[in-house]
Amino acid sequence: MTDSRAAIDAAYANASHIPGGMDYPARWAEAAAAFRESHPPEEIAYGTGARQRFDLFRPAGEAQGAVVFVHGGFWKAFDKGSWSHLAAGVLARGWAVAMPSYTLAPEARIAAMTREIEAAVGAAARAVPGPLRLAGHSAGGHLVARMACADLSPPWRDRVARIVPISPLSDLRPLMGTTMNDDLRLDREEAEAESPVLCDQVDLPMTVWVGAAERPAFIEQARGLAAKRGCDLVQAPGRHHFDVIEELAEPDSPLTGALLG
């Protein structure tokens, strides 16, 4: 590995810079499984692919609308069942929550994942009437930010009340120099087309959220998106890349409040 590639890899590495970072996936899996046991979701297909499915959690009573949460994992890891416990906060406030899987790299390119999430939100919109609110973490933050780009024209867009990209990857060009690009296969054309900071924008309410204790590269990515959108940027005190999403499990947290408005 060249020194430059190692430096870019290090800029986007998270687990090695977070105390106990390697323990988080097992903790997420345990919490998600326990939540699904107590709140069994519906599984709904939004396409024919093996991973083109989402879990839909419905609140008690009529839903106020639907929140779609898109998971992260550098477009290479995790699925809809990895984060079920994060539905708890908005579910308690009367919103349905859809959590989609999508086809991962290297099987799919990022451009294809964007279209899958567009289709997943559409299916969630058909399943739950009312407004839509979109949130996503890391690579998922990228994918929900893409839903506000003018090259997409989904019929559900006028129902979107807010988008909250959390620790989003908004400029994909630096990732072309990383080891992970062996799987992502980003070239210049795709990196530019799929970067929300480079896209023509649609006027949708957005709040960009990032942990104040995250790696500098992620803070800069969040700042860049907020500057492009001219929207609020929240740097959550003391939060790093792995715990910045935990507030979604709490109905009265600042992050849940930002999402539901």
C-alpha atoms as a PDB file:
ATOM      1  CA  MET A   1       0.000   0.000   0.000  1.00  0.00           C
ATOM      2  CA  THR A   2       1.329   3.435  -0.890  1.00  0.00           C
ATOM      3  CA  ASP A   3       1.802   6.037   1.833  1.00  0.00           C
ATOM      4  CA  SER A   4      -0.905   8.237   0.266  1.00  0.00           C
ATOM      5  CA  ARG A   5      -3.424   5.414   0.186  1.00  0.00           C
ATOM      6  CA  ALA A   6      -2.645   4.493   3.780  1.00  0.00           C
ATOM      7  CA  ALA A   7      -3.185   8.115   4.820  1.00  0.00           C
ATOM      8  CA  ILE A   8      -6.589   8.306   3.125  1.00  0.00           C
ATOM      9  CA  ASP A   9      -7.591   4.966   4.630  1.00  0.00           C
ATOM     10  CA  ALA A  10      -6.626   6.263   8.076  1.00  0.00           C
ATOM     11  CA  ALA A  11      -8.655   9.440   7.576  1.00  0.00           C
ATOM     12  CA  TYR A  12     -11.833   7.395   7.178  1.00  0.00           C
ATOM     13  CA  ALA A  13     -11.063   4.659   9.723  1.00  0.00           C
ATOM     14  CA  ASN A  14     -13.361   4.711  12.750  1.00  0.00           C
ATOM     15  CA  ALA A  15     -13.112   1.579  14.900  1.00  0.00           C
ATOM     16  CA  SER A  16      -9.405   1.987  15.630  1.00  0.00           C
ATOM     17  CA  HIS A  17      -9.965   5.540  16.874  1.00  0.00           C
ATOM     18  CA  ILE A  18     -12.911   4.774  19.177  1.00  0.00           C
ATOM     19  CA  PRO A  19     -12.381   3.092  22.581  1.00  0.00           C
ATOM     20  CA  GLY A  20     -13.880  -0.383  22.312  1.00  0.00           C
ATOM     21  CA  GLY A  21     -14.709   0.320  18.680  1.00  0.00           C
ATOM     22  CA  MET A  22     -14.560  -3.316  17.606  1.00  0.00           C
ATOM     23  CA  ASP A  23     -17.251  -4.214  20.161  1.00  0.00           C
ATOM     24  CA  TYR A  24     -19.963  -2.009  18.693  1.00  0.00           C
ATOM     25  CA  PRO A  25     -21.290  -4.325  15.915  1.00  0.00           C
ATOM     26  CA  ALA A  26     -22.024  -7.120  18.390  1.00  0.00           C
ATOM     27  CA  ARG A  27     -23.764  -4.664  20.720  1.00  0.00           C
ATOM     28  CA  TRP A  28     -25.861  -3.290  17.862  1.00  0.00           C
ATOM     29  CA  ALA A  29     -26.836  -6.801  16.777  1.00  0.00           C
ATOM     30  CA  GLU A  30     -27.917  -7.773  20.280  1.00  0.00           C
ATOM     31  CA  ALA A  31     -29.965  -4.610  20.818  1.00  0.00           C
ATOM     32  CA  ALA A  32     -31.561  -4.887  17.363  1.00  0.00           C
ATOM     33  CA  ALA A  33     -32.553  -8.532  17.887  1.00  0.00           C
ATOM     34  CA  ALA A  34     -34.109  -7.762  21.262  1.00  0.00           C
ATOM     35  CA  PHE A  35     -36.100  -4.900  19.780  1.00  0.00           C
ATOM     36  CA  ARG A  36     -37.411  -7.028  16.898  1.00  0.00           C
ATOM     37  CA  GLU A  37     -38.509  -9.684  19.381  1.00  0.00           C
ATOM     38  CA  SER A  38     -40.595  -7.150  21.295  1.00  0.00           C
ATOM     39  CA  HIS A  39     -41.701  -5.209  18.175  1.00  0.00           C
ATOM     40  CA  PRO A  40     -41.972  -7.683  15.274  1.00  0.00           C
ATOM     41  CA  PRO A  41     -41.808  -5.778  11.969  1.00  0.00           C
ATOM     42  CA  GLU A  42     -43.486  -6.393   8.650  1.00  0.00           C
ATOM     43  CA  GLU A  43     -41.063  -7.253   5.850  1.00  0.00           C
ATOM     44  CA  ILE A  44     -41.950  -5.530   2.580  1.00  0.00           C
ATOM     45  CA  ALA A  45     -40.286  -6.003  -0.797  1.00  0.00           C
ATOM     46  CA  TYR A  46     -39.495  -2.945  -2.879  1.00  0.00           C
ATOM     47  CA  GLY A  47     -37.862  -4.908  -5.714  1.00  0.00           C
ATOM     48  CA  THR A  48     -36.933  -8.398  -6.796  1.00  0.00           C
ATOM     49  CA  GLY A  49     -33.361  -8.486  -5.474  1.00  0.00           C
ATOM     50  CA  ALA A  50     -32.469 -10.542  -2.424  1.00  0.00           C
ATOM     51  CA  ARG A  51     -31.701  -7.438  -0.360  1.00  0.00           C
ATOM     52  CA  GLN A  52     -34.468  -5.245  -1.770  1.00  0.00           C
ATOM     53  CA  ARG A  53     -36.560  -5.507   1.380  1.00  0.00           C
ATOM     54  CA  PHE A  54     -37.336  -3.268   4.313  1.00  0.00           C
ATOM     55  CA  ASP A  55     -38.596  -3.839   7.824  1.00  0.00           C
ATOM     56  CA  LEU A  56     -41.609  -1.703   8.699  1.00  0.00           C
ATOM     57  CA  PHE A  57     -42.322  -0.981  12.346  1.00  0.00           C
ATOM     58  CA  ARG A  58     -45.779   0.465  12.986  1.00  0.00           C
ATOM     59  CA  PRO A  59     -46.725   2.450  16.089  1.00  0.00           C
ATOM     60  CA  ALA A  60     -49.744   1.815  18.243  1.00  0.00           C
ATOM     61  CA  GLY A  61     -52.633   3.575  16.549  1.00  0.00           C
ATOM     62  CA  GLU A  62     -52.584   5.465  13.277  1.00  0.00           C
ATOM     63  CA  ALA A  63     -49.120   6.540  12.146  1.00  0.00           C
ATOM     64  CA  GLN A  64     -48.385  10.253  11.772  1.00  0.00           C
ATOM     65  CA  GLY A  65     -46.242   9.390   8.763  1.00  0.00           C
ATOM     66  CA  ALA A  66     -43.144   7.349   7.957  1.00  0.00           C
ATOM     67  CA  VAL A  67     -39.498   7.748   8.878  1.00  0.00           C
ATOM     68  CA  VAL A  68     -37.081   5.913   6.582  1.00  0.00           C
ATOM     69  CA  PHE A  69     -33.714   5.134   8.168  1.00  0.00           C
ATOM     70  CA  VAL A  70     -30.885   3.992   5.852  1.00  0.00           C
ATOM     71  CA  HIS A  71     -27.996   2.157   7.473  1.00  0.00           C
ATOM     72  CA  GLY A  72     -24.309   2.799   6.963  1.00  0.00           C
ATOM     73  CA  GLY A  73     -21.313   0.500   6.613  1.00  0.00           C
ATOM     74  CA  PHE A  74     -19.363   2.164   3.766  1.00  0.00           C
ATOM     75  CA  TRP A  75     -21.872   0.666   1.286  1.00  0.00           C
ATOM     76  CA  LYS A  76     -20.296  -2.741   2.048  1.00  0.00           C
ATOM     77  CA  ALA A  77     -21.760  -3.998   5.336  1.00  0.00           C
ATOM     78  CA  PHE A  78     -24.854  -4.410   7.531  1.00  0.00           C
ATOM     79  CA  ASP A  79     -28.515  -4.761   6.617  1.00  0.00           C
ATOM     80  CA  LYS A  80     -32.016  -3.739   7.670  1.00  0.00           C
ATOM     81  CA  GLY A  81     -31.889  -5.892  10.798  1.00  0.00           C
ATOM     82  CA  SER A  82     -28.701  -4.343  12.180  1.00  0.00           C
ATOM     83  CA  TRP A  83     -30.297  -1.192  13.593  1.00  0.00           C
ATOM     84  CA  SER A  84     -33.864  -2.104  14.555  1.00  0.00           C
ATOM     85  CA  HIS A  85     -33.481  -0.662  18.056  1.00  0.00           C
ATOM     86  CA  LEU A  86     -32.965   2.817  16.595  1.00  0.00           C
ATOM     87  CA  ALA A  87     -36.637   2.805  15.582  1.00  0.00           C
ATOM     88  CA  ALA A  88     -37.672   3.141  19.227  1.00  0.00           C
ATOM     89  CA  GLY A  89     -37.545   6.924  19.527  1.00  0.00           C
ATOM     90  CA  VAL A  90     -39.721   7.921  16.591  1.00  0.00           C
ATOM     91  CA  LEU A  91     -41.970   4.887  17.022  1.00  0.00           C
ATOM     92  CA  ALA A  92     -42.789   6.065  20.543  1.00  0.00           C
ATOM     93  CA  ARG A  93     -43.803   9.413  19.070  1.00  0.00           C
ATOM     94  CA  GLY A  94     -46.335   7.839  16.726  1.00  0.00           C
ATOM     95  CA  TRP A  95     -44.361   7.473  13.501  1.00  0.00           C
ATOM     96  CA  ALA A  96     -43.897   4.319  11.464  1.00  0.00           C
ATOM     97  CA  VAL A  97     -40.275   3.404  10.732  1.00  0.00           C
ATOM     98  CA  ALA A  98     -38.998   1.722   7.558  1.00  0.00           C
ATOM     99  CA  MET A  99     -35.473   0.307   7.589  1.00  0.00           C
ATOM    100  CA  PRO A 100     -34.315  -0.934   4.180  1.00  0.00           C
ATOM    101  CA  SER A 101     -31.532  -3.206   3.120  1.00  0.00           C
ATOM    102  CA  TYR A 102     -29.880  -2.505  -0.220  1.00  0.00           C
ATOM    103  CA  THR A 103     -27.488  -4.396  -2.458  1.00  0.00           C
ATOM    104  CA  LEU A 104     -23.937  -3.917  -1.213  1.00  0.00           C
ATOM    105  CA  ALA A 105     -20.564  -3.534  -2.902  1.00  0.00           C
ATOM    106  CA  PRO A 106     -18.923  -5.210  -4.691  1.00  0.00           C
ATOM    107  CA  GLU A 107     -22.145  -6.722  -6.052  1.00  0.00           C
ATOM    108  CA  ALA A 108     -23.612  -3.261  -6.716  1.00  0.00           C
ATOM    109  CA  ARG A 109     -22.202   0.146  -7.588  1.00  0.00           C
ATOM    110  CA  ILE A 110     -23.151   3.164  -5.496  1.00  0.00           C
ATOM    111  CA  ALA A 111     -25.264   4.606  -8.318  1.00  0.00           C
ATOM    112  CA  ALA A 112     -27.401   1.463  -8.216  1.00  0.00           C
ATOM    113  CA  MET A 113     -27.768   1.746  -4.432  1.00  0.00           C
ATOM    114  CA  THR A 114     -29.082   5.299  -4.866  1.00  0.00           C
ATOM    115  CA  ARG A 115     -31.819   4.006  -7.144  1.00  0.00           C
ATOM    116  CA  GLU A 116     -32.643   1.209  -4.707  1.00  0.00           C
ATOM    117  CA  ILE A 117     -33.146   3.661  -1.863  1.00  0.00           C
ATOM    118  CA  GLU A 118     -35.291   5.822  -4.139  1.00  0.00           C
ATOM    119  CA  ALA A 119     -37.461   2.739  -4.741  1.00  0.00           C
ATOM    120  CA  ALA A 120     -37.452   1.780  -1.056  1.00  0.00           C
ATOM    121  CA  VAL A 121     -38.725   5.208   0.004  1.00  0.00           C
ATOM    122  CA  GLY A 122     -41.418   4.938  -2.655  1.00  0.00           C
ATOM    123  CA  ALA A 123     -42.569   1.593  -1.282  1.00  0.00           C
ATOM    124  CA  ALA A 124     -42.602   2.981   2.260  1.00  0.00           C
ATOM    125  CA  ALA A 125     -44.666   5.925   1.012  1.00  0.00           C
ATOM    126  CA  ARG A 126     -47.214   3.525  -0.440  1.00  0.00           C
ATOM    127  CA  ALA A 127     -47.361   1.515   2.780  1.00  0.00           C
ATOM    128  CA  VAL A 128     -47.816   4.490   5.133  1.00  0.00           C
ATOM    129  CA  PRO A 129     -49.805   7.645   4.309  1.00  0.00           C
ATOM    130  CA  GLY A 130     -48.705  11.064   5.435  1.00  0.00           C
ATOM    131  CA  PRO A 131     -45.386  12.914   5.478  1.00  0.00           C
ATOM    132  CA  LEU A 132     -42.005  11.295   5.000  1.00  0.00           C
ATOM    133  CA  ARG A 133     -38.855  11.978   6.983  1.00  0.00           C
ATOM    134  CA  LEU A 134     -35.532  10.484   5.892  1.00  0.00           C
ATOM    135  CA  ALA A 135     -32.462   9.761   8.003  1.00  0.00           C
ATOM    136  CA  GLY A 136     -29.310   7.831   7.280  1.00  0.00           C
ATOM    137  CA  HIS A 137     -25.943   7.244   8.900  1.00  0.00           C
ATOM    138  CA  SER A 138     -22.558   7.470   7.171  1.00  0.00           C
ATOM    139  CA  ALA A 139     -23.053   5.759   3.784  1.00  0.00           C
ATOM    140  CA  GLY A 140     -26.759   5.874   4.606  1.00  0.00           C
ATOM    141  CA  GLY A 141     -26.377   9.603   5.181  1.00  0.00           C
ATOM    142  CA  HIS A 142     -24.997   9.841   1.668  1.00  0.00           C
ATOM    143  CA  LEU A 143     -27.948   7.912   0.266  1.00  0.00           C
ATOM    144  CA  VAL A 144     -30.629  10.030   1.931  1.00  0.00           C
ATOM    145  CA  ALA A 145     -28.805  13.226   0.921  1.00  0.00           C
ATOM    146  CA  ARG A 146     -28.939  11.952  -2.667  1.00  0.00           C
ATOM    147  CA  MET A 147     -32.723  11.975  -2.442  1.00  0.00           C
ATOM    148  CA  ALA A 148     -32.525  15.800  -2.465  1.00  0.00           C
ATOM    149  CA  CYS A 149     -30.522  15.952  -5.716  1.00  0.00           C
ATOM    150  CA  ALA A 150     -32.183  17.229  -8.873  1.00  0.00           C
ATOM    151  CA  ASP A 151     -31.154  14.313 -11.085  1.00  0.00           C
ATOM    152  CA  LEU A 152     -33.777  12.229  -9.236  1.00  0.00           C
ATOM    153  CA  SER A 153     -37.474  12.988  -9.608  1.00  0.00           C
ATOM    154  CA  PRO A 154     -39.409  10.524  -7.424  1.00  0.00           C
ATOM    155  CA  PRO A 155     -43.177  10.986  -7.243  1.00  0.00           C
ATOM    156  CA  TRP A 156     -43.054  10.923  -3.431  1.00  0.00           C
ATOM    157  CA  ARG A 157     -40.707  13.892  -3.068  1.00  0.00           C
ATOM    158  CA  ASP A 158     -43.427  16.430  -2.250  1.00  0.00           C
ATOM    159  CA  ARG A 159     -44.227  14.388   0.855  1.00  0.00           C
ATOM    160  CA  VAL A 160     -40.714  14.765   2.328  1.00  0.00           C
ATOM    161  CA  ALA A 161     -40.871  16.960   5.424  1.00  0.00           C
ATOM    162  CA  ARG A 162     -37.188  16.698   6.429  1.00  0.00           C
ATOM    163  CA  ILE A 163     -33.957  14.864   5.634  1.00  0.00           C
ATOM    164  CA  VAL A 164     -31.313  14.307   8.332  1.00  0.00           C
ATOM    165  CA  PRO A 165     -28.006  12.936   7.004  1.00  0.00           C
ATOM    166  CA  ILE A 166     -25.990  11.778  10.029  1.00  0.00           C
ATOM    167  CA  SER A 167     -22.187  11.744   9.609  1.00  0.00           C
ATOM    168  CA  PRO A 168     -22.758  11.685   5.843  1.00  0.00           C
ATOM    169  CA  LEU A 169     -20.229  10.943   3.142  1.00  0.00           C
ATOM    170  CA  SER A 170     -21.130  13.784   0.813  1.00  0.00           C
ATOM    171  CA  ASP A 171     -18.064  14.054  -1.446  1.00  0.00           C
ATOM    172  CA  LEU A 172     -17.042  10.665  -2.807  1.00  0.00           C
ATOM    173  CA  ARG A 173     -13.988  11.814  -4.728  1.00  0.00           C
ATOM    174  CA  PRO A 174     -11.506  11.227  -1.854  1.00  0.00           C
ATOM    175  CA  LEU A 175     -12.745   7.643  -1.537  1.00  0.00           C
ATOM    176  CA  MET A 176     -11.326   6.784  -4.950  1.00  0.00           C
ATOM    177  CA  GLY A 177      -7.932   6.711  -3.247  1.00  0.00           C
ATOM    178  CA  THR A 178      -8.907   4.279  -0.480  1.00  0.00           C
ATOM    179  CA  THR A 179      -8.488   0.530  -0.179  1.00  0.00           C
ATOM    180  CA  MET A 180     -12.269   0.176   0.065  1.00  0.00           C
ATOM    181  CA  ASN A 181     -12.513   1.387  -3.521  1.00  0.00           C
ATOM    182  CA  ASP A 182     -11.327  -2.056  -4.598  1.00  0.00           C
ATOM    183  CA  ASP A 183     -14.928  -3.034  -3.758  1.00  0.00           C
ATOM    184  CA  LEU A 184     -16.728   0.250  -4.449  1.00  0.00           C
ATOM    185  CA  ARG A 185     -15.137   0.632  -7.917  1.00  0.00           C
ATOM    186  CA  LEU A 186     -15.699   4.371  -7.950  1.00  0.00           C
ATOM    187  CA  ASP A 187     -14.338   6.189 -10.979  1.00  0.00           C
ATOM    188  CA  ARG A 188     -14.250   9.949 -11.452  1.00  0.00           C
ATOM    189  CA  GLU A 189     -17.554  10.080 -13.330  1.00  0.00           C
ATOM    190  CA  GLU A 190     -19.508   8.113 -10.729  1.00  0.00           C
ATOM    191  CA  ALA A 191     -17.836   9.815  -7.767  1.00  0.00           C
ATOM    192  CA  GLU A 192     -18.848  13.217  -9.093  1.00  0.00           C
ATOM    193  CA  ALA A 193     -22.366  12.179 -10.112  1.00  0.00           C
ATOM    194  CA  GLU A 194     -23.029  10.517  -6.734  1.00  0.00           C
ATOM    195  CA  SER A 195     -21.627  13.292  -4.524  1.00  0.00           C
ATOM    196  CA  PRO A 196     -24.402  15.380  -2.929  1.00  0.00           C
ATOM    197  CA  VAL A 197     -22.005  18.335  -2.568  1.00  0.00           C
ATOM    198  CA  LEU A 198     -21.692  18.434  -6.363  1.00  0.00           C
ATOM    199  CA  CYS A 199     -25.339  17.802  -7.317  1.00  0.00           C
ATOM    200  CA  ASP A 200     -27.901  20.391  -8.277  1.00  0.00           C
ATOM    201  CA  GLN A 201     -30.200  20.625  -5.269  1.00  0.00           C
ATOM    202  CA  VAL A 202     -33.947  20.399  -4.714  1.00  0.00           C
ATOM    203  CA  ASP A 203     -35.405  22.656  -2.033  1.00  0.00           C
ATOM    204  CA  LEU A 204     -36.167  20.233   0.789  1.00  0.00           C
ATOM    205  CA  PRO A 205     -35.717  20.864   4.532  1.00  0.00           C
ATOM    206  CA  MET A 206     -32.460  19.319   5.739  1.00  0.00           C
ATOM    207  CA  THR A 207     -30.421  19.214   8.940  1.00  0.00           C
ATOM    208  CA  VAL A 208     -26.908  17.756   8.784  1.00  0.00           C
ATOM    209  CA  TRP A 209     -25.805  16.011  11.976  1.00  0.00           C
ATOM    210  CA  VAL A 210     -22.315  14.864  12.962  1.00  0.00           C
ATOM    211  CA  GLY A 211     -20.496  13.976  16.163  1.00  0.00           C
ATOM    212  CA  ALA A 212     -18.146  16.650  17.442  1.00  0.00           C
ATOM    213  CA  ALA A 213     -15.643  13.915  18.366  1.00  0.00           C
ATOM    214  CA  GLU A 214     -15.641  12.267  14.934  1.00  0.00           C
ATOM    215  CA  ARG A 215     -12.664  11.944  12.612  1.00  0.00           C
ATOM    216  CA  PRO A 216     -11.856  15.271  10.933  1.00  0.00           C
ATOM    217  CA  ALA A 217     -12.714  13.836   7.510  1.00  0.00           C
ATOM    218  CA  PHE A 218     -16.300  13.133   8.569  1.00  0.00           C
ATOM    219  CA  ILE A 219     -16.707  16.572  10.133  1.00  0.00           C
ATOM    220  CA  GLU A 220     -15.469  18.160   6.915  1.00  0.00           C
ATOM    221  CA  GLN A 221     -17.823  16.005   4.853  1.00  0.00           C
ATOM    222  CA  ALA A 222     -20.739  17.152   7.031  1.00  0.00           C
ATOM    223  CA  ARG A 223     -19.686  20.785   6.836  1.00  0.00           C
ATOM    224  CA  GLY A 224     -19.405  20.574   3.085  1.00  0.00           C
ATOM    225  CA  LEU A 225     -22.938  19.231   2.715  1.00  0.00           C
ATOM    226  CA  ALA A 226     -24.417  21.809   5.082  1.00  0.00           C
ATOM    227  CA  ALA A 227     -22.639  24.588   3.194  1.00  0.00           C
ATOM    228  CA  LYS A 228     -23.892  23.287  -0.145  1.00  0.00           C
ATOM    229  CA  ARG A 229     -27.456  23.072   1.169  1.00  0.00           C
ATOM    230  CA  GLY A 230     -27.326  26.284   3.204  1.00  0.00           C
ATOM    231  CA  CYS A 231     -28.858  24.330   6.075  1.00  0.00           C
ATOM    232  CA  ASP A 232     -28.223  23.797   9.775  1.00  0.00           C
ATOM    233  CA  LEU A 233     -25.185  21.789  10.855  1.00  0.00           C
ATOM    234  CA  VAL A 234     -25.286  20.241  14.331  1.00  0.00           C
ATOM    235  CA  GLN A 235     -22.075  18.927  15.872  1.00  0.00           C
ATOM    236  CA  ALA A 236     -23.265  16.727  18.740  1.00  0.00           C
ATOM    237  CA  PRO A 237     -20.985  17.262  21.762  1.00  0.00           C
ATOM    238  CA  GLY A 238     -18.837  14.289  22.709  1.00  0.00           C
ATOM    239  CA  ARG A 239     -20.306  11.983  20.078  1.00  0.00           C
ATOM    240  CA  HIS A 240     -18.151   9.836  17.813  1.00  0.00           C
ATOM    241  CA  HIS A 241     -19.042   7.988  14.616  1.00  0.00           C
ATOM    242  CA  PHE A 242     -20.443   4.934  16.372  1.00  0.00           C
ATOM    243  CA  ASP A 243     -22.511   6.501  19.147  1.00  0.00           C
ATOM    244  CA  VAL A 244     -23.775   9.547  17.253  1.00  0.00           C
ATOM    245  CA  ILE A 245     -26.854   7.582  16.154  1.00  0.00           C
ATOM    246  CA  GLU A 246     -27.809   6.268  19.598  1.00  0.00           C
ATOM    247  CA  GLU A 247     -30.094   9.228  20.314  1.00  0.00           C
ATOM    248  CA  LEU A 248     -32.526   7.925  17.678  1.00  0.00           C
ATOM    249  CA  ALA A 249     -33.586   5.290  20.218  1.00  0.00           C
ATOM    250  CA  GLU A 250     -34.747   8.064  22.582  1.00  0.00           C
ATOM    251  CA  PRO A 251     -38.078   9.831  21.880  1.00  0.00           C
ATOM    252  CA  ASP A 252     -37.031  13.123  23.490  1.00  0.00           C
ATOM    253  CA  SER A 253     -33.425  13.354  22.302  1.00  0.00           C
ATOM    254  CA  PRO A 254     -32.127  16.316  20.283  1.00  0.00           C
ATOM    255  CA  LEU A 255     -31.530  14.084  17.247  1.00  0.00           C
ATOM    256  CA  THR A 256     -35.044  12.632  17.296  1.00  0.00           C
ATOM    257  CA  GLY A 257     -36.377  16.145  17.738  1.00  0.00           C
ATOM    258  CA  ALA A 258     -34.389  17.409  14.745  1.00  0.00           C
ATOM    259  CA  LEU A 259     -35.771  14.589  12.611  1.00  0.00           C
ATOM    260  CA  LEU A 260     -39.419  15.000  13.630  1.00  0.00           C
ATOM    261  CA  GLY A 261     -39.319  18.791  13.886  1.00  0.00           C
END
